[in-house]
């Protein structure tokens, strides 16, 4: 391969890598909180949409209940009716809204406005 072709291949691969980097997003991830330490329930599942823990212990009287702020809620309607939960859901500390168990806030390319030079 001639020096010109090698140089062009190097420039092309560098431009490709820079272009791909520009398309990625910067992600800020919040880890989910530790499960509650409550002797009434031995097994917990994180409800990623609502940002709360759900008791999955079939032998517990709280099975299927949601846990937030030190209290059990029998169902989602009871949870949603809670003033404390509503304040949490509307706060910056809310850890729900995704199905992955983590909250991802994206920023970077692909956000905002575009313009072209000329």
Protein backbone atom coordinates (compact mmCIF):
# COMPACT_ATOMS: atom_id res chain seq x y z
CA UNK A 1 0.00 0.00 0.00
CA UNK A 2 1.37 3.42 -0.86
CA UNK A 3 1.98 6.10 1.76
CA UNK A 4 -0.95 8.14 0.42
CA UNK A 5 -3.37 5.24 0.72
CA UNK A 6 -2.15 4.44 4.23
CA UNK A 7 -2.52 8.07 5.26
CA UNK A 8 -6.03 8.26 3.78
CA UNK A 9 -7.01 5.01 5.53
CA UNK A 10 -5.74 6.42 8.84
CA UNK A 11 -7.63 9.68 8.37
CA UNK A 12 -10.81 7.82 7.37
CA UNK A 13 -10.69 5.50 10.38
CA UNK A 14 -10.00 8.43 12.72
CA UNK A 15 -12.93 10.37 11.27
CA UNK A 16 -15.17 7.32 11.60
CA UNK A 17 -14.20 6.84 15.25
CA UNK A 18 -14.78 10.51 16.03
CA UNK A 19 -18.14 10.37 14.29
CA UNK A 20 -19.19 7.32 16.28
CA UNK A 21 -18.09 8.94 19.53
CA UNK A 22 -20.24 11.97 18.74
CA UNK A 23 -23.32 9.74 18.39
CA UNK A 24 -22.99 8.20 21.81
CA UNK A 25 -24.77 9.60 24.83
CA UNK A 26 -23.39 10.50 28.18
CA UNK A 27 -25.33 8.55 30.76
CA UNK A 28 -25.71 9.34 34.40
CA UNK A 29 -26.93 6.28 36.24
CA UNK A 30 -28.52 6.12 39.63
CA UNK A 31 -28.31 2.82 41.41
CA UNK A 32 -31.42 1.51 43.06
CA UNK A 33 -31.62 1.80 46.83
CA UNK A 34 -31.03 -1.20 49.06
CA UNK A 35 -34.12 -3.29 49.80
CA UNK A 36 -35.95 -2.51 53.02
CA UNK A 37 -34.74 -4.21 56.18
CA UNK A 38 -38.11 -5.32 57.43
CA UNK A 39 -38.66 -8.67 59.14
CA UNK A 40 -42.20 -8.84 57.73
CA UNK A 41 -40.89 -9.54 54.22
CA UNK A 42 -37.86 -11.63 53.28
CA UNK A 43 -37.96 -11.22 49.48
CA UNK A 44 -38.16 -7.97 47.55
CA UNK A 45 -38.47 -6.94 43.92
CA UNK A 46 -37.63 -3.48 42.62
CA UNK A 47 -40.48 -1.83 40.72
CA UNK A 48 -38.46 0.22 38.27
CA UNK A 49 -41.44 2.14 36.90
CA UNK A 50 -42.57 3.45 40.27
CA UNK A 51 -39.20 3.56 42.04
CA UNK A 52 -40.30 1.48 45.03
CA UNK A 53 -39.84 -2.02 46.42
CA UNK A 54 -42.53 -4.69 46.21
CA UNK A 55 -42.76 -7.54 48.73
CA UNK A 56 -42.42 -10.87 46.89
CA UNK A 57 -42.40 -13.09 49.98
CA UNK A 58 -45.32 -15.50 49.49
CA UNK A 59 -45.42 -16.32 53.20
CA UNK A 60 -45.69 -12.67 54.24
CA UNK A 61 -48.94 -10.89 55.02
CA UNK A 62 -47.47 -8.04 52.95
CA UNK A 63 -47.05 -10.14 49.78
CA UNK A 64 -47.69 -7.95 46.73
CA UNK A 65 -47.59 -4.74 48.75
CA UNK A 66 -45.42 -1.77 47.79
CA UNK A 67 -43.01 -0.26 50.27
CA UNK A 68 -42.06 3.40 50.37
CA UNK A 69 -41.01 5.71 53.18
CA UNK A 70 -41.20 3.04 55.85
CA UNK A 71 -44.80 2.09 54.99
CA UNK A 72 -46.53 -0.70 53.08
CA UNK A 73 -49.14 0.13 50.45
CA UNK A 74 -51.62 -2.59 49.53
CA UNK A 75 -51.70 -1.68 45.85
CA UNK A 76 -50.59 0.92 43.36
CA UNK A 77 -53.73 2.99 43.88
CA UNK A 78 -52.92 3.28 47.59
CA UNK A 79 -49.30 4.13 46.77
CA UNK A 80 -50.33 6.78 44.24
CA UNK A 81 -52.76 8.31 46.76
CA UNK A 82 -49.95 8.89 49.24
CA UNK A 83 -48.86 12.53 49.51
CA UNK A 84 -45.36 11.39 50.50
CA UNK A 85 -45.04 9.18 47.41
CA UNK A 86 -46.39 11.95 45.14
CA UNK A 87 -43.75 14.34 46.50
CA UNK A 88 -41.03 11.70 45.92
CA UNK A 89 -42.24 10.95 42.38
CA UNK A 90 -42.09 14.65 41.48
CA UNK A 91 -38.67 15.17 43.06
CA UNK A 92 -35.17 14.95 41.61
CA UNK A 93 -34.49 11.98 43.91
CA UNK A 94 -37.11 9.81 42.13
CA UNK A 95 -35.46 6.56 41.06
CA UNK A 96 -38.19 5.16 38.82
CA UNK A 97 -39.34 5.53 35.26
CA UNK A 98 -37.33 2.77 33.57
CA UNK A 99 -37.65 -0.94 33.30
CA UNK A 100 -33.96 -1.57 33.80
CA UNK A 101 -33.76 -0.77 37.47
CA UNK A 102 -31.58 2.24 36.88
CA UNK A 103 -32.43 5.73 35.78
CA UNK A 104 -30.52 7.02 32.81
CA UNK A 105 -30.41 10.68 31.93
CA UNK A 106 -29.03 11.11 28.43
CA UNK A 107 -27.30 14.19 27.12
CA UNK A 108 -25.02 14.95 24.24
CA UNK A 109 -25.44 14.69 20.50
CA UNK A 110 -28.98 14.24 19.28
CA UNK A 111 -30.35 16.70 21.85
CA UNK A 112 -31.32 20.29 21.28
CA UNK A 113 -31.28 22.18 18.02
CA UNK A 114 -29.30 21.70 14.86
CA UNK A 115 -27.79 24.20 12.48
CA UNK A 116 -25.76 24.01 9.35
CA UNK A 117 -22.96 26.32 8.35
CA UNK A 118 -22.60 27.80 4.97
